[in-house]
Protein backbone atom coordinates (compact mmCIF):
# COMPACT_ATOMS: atom_id res chain seq x y z
CA MET A 1 17.33 34.58 11.94
CA LYS A 2 13.38 34.84 12.97
CA ASN A 3 14.43 32.50 15.88
CA SER A 4 17.41 34.98 16.72
CA LYS A 5 15.00 37.97 17.06
CA ILE A 6 12.14 36.83 19.12
CA LYS A 7 15.13 35.16 21.27
CA VAL A 8 16.74 39.51 21.15
CA LEU A 9 12.81 40.68 21.47
CA ALA A 10 12.44 37.78 24.34
CA PHE A 11 15.83 39.22 25.69
CA SER A 12 14.81 42.81 26.05
CA ALA A 13 11.26 42.11 27.38
CA LEU A 14 13.19 40.30 30.55
CA LEU A 15 15.42 43.07 30.54
CA ILE A 16 12.72 44.98 30.79
CA THR A 17 10.46 43.37 33.55
CA GLY A 18 13.58 43.24 35.75
CA LEU A 19 14.50 46.48 35.66
CA ALA A 20 10.86 47.84 36.43
CA CYS A 21 11.50 44.77 39.28
CA SER A 22 13.94 46.38 40.57
CA GLN A 23 13.09 49.92 40.79
CA LYS A 24 10.56 48.92 42.36
CA ALA A 25 12.55 46.87 45.16
CA ASP A 26 14.30 49.60 44.77
CA SER A 27 11.38 52.00 45.38
CA LYS A 28 10.72 50.14 48.37
CA ILE A 29 13.92 49.69 49.81
CA GLU A 30 14.36 53.74 49.74
CA THR A 31 10.30 53.86 51.36
CA LYS A 32 11.69 51.64 54.47
CA ALA A 33 15.17 53.75 54.34
CA ASP A 34 12.91 56.99 54.92
CA ALA A 35 11.08 55.47 57.24
CA ALA A 36 13.57 54.79 59.13
CA SER A 37 15.30 58.08 59.00
CA VAL A 38 11.98 58.83 59.72
CA ALA A 39 11.75 56.99 63.27
CA VAL A 40 15.20 57.90 64.15
CA VAL A 41 14.59 61.35 64.00
CA SER A 42 11.24 61.29 65.96
CA ASP A 43 13.49 59.17 68.39
CA SER A 44 16.72 61.27 68.78
CA THR A 45 14.10 64.65 69.16
CA ALA A 46 11.77 62.59 72.20
CA ILE A 47 15.34 62.12 73.69
CA LEU A 48 16.64 65.65 73.29
CA GLU A 49 13.27 66.61 74.18
CA ALA A 50 13.05 64.10 77.73
CA LYS A 51 17.29 65.82 78.09
CA LYS A 52 15.75 69.17 77.85
CA LYS A 53 13.06 68.42 80.58
CA LEU A 54 15.34 66.86 82.83
CA ALA A 55 17.76 69.76 82.75
CA ALA A 56 15.25 72.11 83.30
CA GLU A 57 13.83 69.98 86.17
CA GLU A 58 17.41 70.00 87.68
CA LYS A 59 17.93 73.62 86.74
CA ALA A 60 14.62 74.45 88.85
CA LYS A 61 15.51 73.09 92.30
CA LEU A 62 19.51 74.48 92.34
CA PRO A 63 20.53 78.05 93.86
CA LYS A 64 20.45 80.68 91.75
CA PRO A 65 23.90 82.84 92.71
CA TYR A 66 23.71 85.23 89.71
CA ASN A 67 22.57 89.00 90.19
CA ALA A 68 22.08 90.49 86.64
CA ALA A 69 21.28 93.41 88.66
CA GLU A 70 24.31 94.01 90.80
CA ASN A 71 27.21 96.46 89.35
CA ALA A 72 29.82 93.58 88.95
CA GLU A 73 32.72 96.52 88.24
CA ALA A 74 31.96 98.40 91.99
CA LYS A 75 31.08 94.69 93.42
CA ILE A 76 34.73 93.54 92.54
CA ALA A 77 36.38 96.42 93.43
CA GLU A 78 34.75 96.06 96.61
CA LEU A 79 35.76 92.20 96.95
CA VAL A 80 39.77 93.15 95.73
CA LYS A 81 40.00 95.72 98.84
CA GLN A 82 39.01 93.14 100.90
CA ALA A 83 41.33 90.20 99.79
CA LYS A 84 43.84 93.17 100.27
CA ALA A 85 43.37 93.32 103.91
CA GLU A 86 42.07 89.47 104.24
CA ASN A 87 44.96 88.45 102.45
CA LYS A 88 43.03 86.51 100.07
CA ASN A 89 42.71 86.05 95.84
CA VAL A 90 39.18 86.30 94.49
CA ILE A 91 37.53 83.55 92.33
CA LEU A 92 35.48 85.12 89.32
CA GLN A 93 33.17 82.48 88.56
CA ALA A 94 31.75 83.92 85.71
CA GLY A 95 27.89 82.75 83.91
CA GLY A 96 24.39 82.74 84.81
CA ASN A 97 21.62 81.90 86.31
CA TRP A 98 20.48 79.96 82.67
CA CYS A 99 23.60 77.81 82.66
CA ILE A 100 22.97 74.41 84.04
CA TRP A 101 26.55 73.30 84.43
CA CYS A 102 27.28 77.34 86.48
CA LEU A 103 24.63 76.03 88.48
CA ARG A 104 25.90 72.90 88.72
CA PHE A 105 29.35 73.80 90.23
CA ASN A 106 27.97 76.03 91.98
CA ASN A 107 26.19 73.29 94.06
CA PHE A 108 28.95 71.01 94.35
CA VAL A 109 30.95 73.77 95.78
CA GLN A 110 29.04 74.66 98.45
CA THR A 111 27.61 71.18 99.23
CA THR A 112 31.40 69.62 99.32
CA PRO A 113 32.67 70.56 102.52
CA GLU A 114 36.30 70.26 101.65
CA LEU A 115 35.92 72.31 98.75
CA LYS A 116 34.11 74.82 100.78
CA GLU A 117 36.30 75.08 103.46
CA ILE A 118 39.44 75.27 101.10
CA VAL A 119 37.33 78.42 99.47
CA ASP A 120 36.06 80.22 102.33
CA LYS A 121 39.71 80.03 103.15
CA ASN A 122 41.34 81.42 100.74
CA TYR A 123 39.28 83.20 98.50
CA LEU A 124 36.13 85.95 98.02
CA TYR A 125 34.28 84.32 95.42
CA TYR A 126 31.39 86.34 93.34
CA HIS A 127 29.13 84.72 90.75
CA LEU A 128 29.98 87.29 87.74
CA ASN A 129 27.17 87.25 85.51
CA TYR A 130 26.56 87.10 82.12
CA SER A 131 23.53 86.86 80.23
CA PRO A 132 20.98 88.26 78.02
CA GLU A 133 20.26 91.59 80.54
CA ASN A 134 23.00 91.82 81.61
CA LYS A 135 26.72 91.06 79.62
CA ASN A 136 29.32 93.10 81.80
CA ALA A 137 31.11 93.41 78.51
CA LYS A 138 32.98 96.60 79.79
CA VAL A 139 34.49 93.93 83.13
CA PHE A 140 34.65 91.07 81.01
CA ALA A 141 36.69 93.17 78.49
CA GLN A 142 39.52 93.61 80.98
CA TYR A 143 39.97 89.66 81.86
CA ASP A 144 40.26 89.75 77.41
CA ASN A 145 36.10 87.78 77.48
CA PRO A 146 37.02 84.46 78.63
CA GLY A 147 33.98 83.11 78.00
CA GLU A 148 34.05 84.06 74.23
CA LYS A 149 37.42 80.96 74.55
CA PHE A 150 35.83 79.01 77.03
CA GLY A 151 32.45 79.05 77.17
CA TYR A 152 30.78 79.44 80.65
CA PRO A 153 31.36 78.70 83.25
CA VAL A 154 34.70 80.24 83.11
CA PHE A 155 36.61 81.12 86.39
CA ILE A 156 38.91 84.40 86.52
CA VAL A 157 41.84 84.52 89.60
CA LEU A 158 42.78 88.00 90.74
CA ASP A 159 45.64 88.10 93.28
CA LYS A 160 45.22 90.69 96.10
CA ASN A 161 45.80 93.82 94.01
CA GLY A 162 43.10 93.17 91.82
CA LYS A 163 45.63 91.52 89.21
CA MET A 164 44.20 88.53 87.00
CA ILE A 165 46.45 85.90 87.34
CA HIS A 166 44.99 82.93 86.07
CA THR A 167 42.23 82.35 83.43
CA GLN A 168 40.03 78.83 84.13
CA ASP A 169 37.95 76.68 81.71
CA SER A 170 35.37 74.35 83.60
CA ALA A 171 35.53 71.43 80.93
CA VAL A 172 38.86 70.01 82.01
CA LEU A 173 37.08 69.97 85.75
CA GLU A 174 34.30 67.99 84.73
CA GLU A 175 33.41 64.53 85.36
CA GLY A 176 30.20 62.64 83.75
CA LYS A 177 27.77 64.76 84.43
CA GLY A 178 28.96 66.81 86.98
CA TYR A 179 32.61 67.68 88.46
CA SER A 180 35.82 65.88 89.76
CA LYS A 181 35.96 66.83 93.02
CA GLU A 182 39.70 65.72 92.94
CA LYS A 183 39.95 68.58 89.81
CA VAL A 184 38.15 71.05 91.20
CA LYS A 185 40.90 70.54 94.43
CA GLU A 186 43.34 70.88 92.78
CA PHE A 187 42.54 73.94 90.89
CA PHE A 188 41.67 76.17 94.11
CA LEU A 189 44.83 74.72 95.89
CA LYS A 190 47.08 76.00 93.24
CA TRP A 191 45.88 79.41 93.12
CA THR A 192 45.46 80.38 96.69
CA THR A 193 48.27 83.22 97.70
CA LYS A 194 49.97 80.69 99.62
CA SER A 195 50.55 78.56 96.34
């Protein structure tokens, strides 16, 4: 009996020691896991900051086609009048100088001769500003606020009479860190007055 009490006590001591060691091991594992998490977060933050810096540098180099001070409603009315006279449609590229993808698209079209030729021949093109300084709420409301649905840039195609005939999500035109020449070309060709 005395032997079995000793065995029980010895077993209990062994069990308690094992649990204590296990807790220390768990604590070390948790500490290592916490350190790894901090390292991952630090790496992620560093990567994010590097991406922001590169985007800011790229944005600084690109032309800024949006004019927050312009009366967009009056400008669009003027373009529609001109479009009717020239038998062209109007493309409104909605966005702002704050939007890297808006600036990329503008630059892509302006520096790709084939696309620029299609636009110049078939459209009057306007950069409809959306920014904290001027949200052009009244104008956007006329076109069902497409930025709320698609983000920016978003394209609104008007016929020569000023009627909205198409809204184009720019995301489907993207390819990698830019735009697909073929997809953009197809979009432009599809909405000409000749289509």
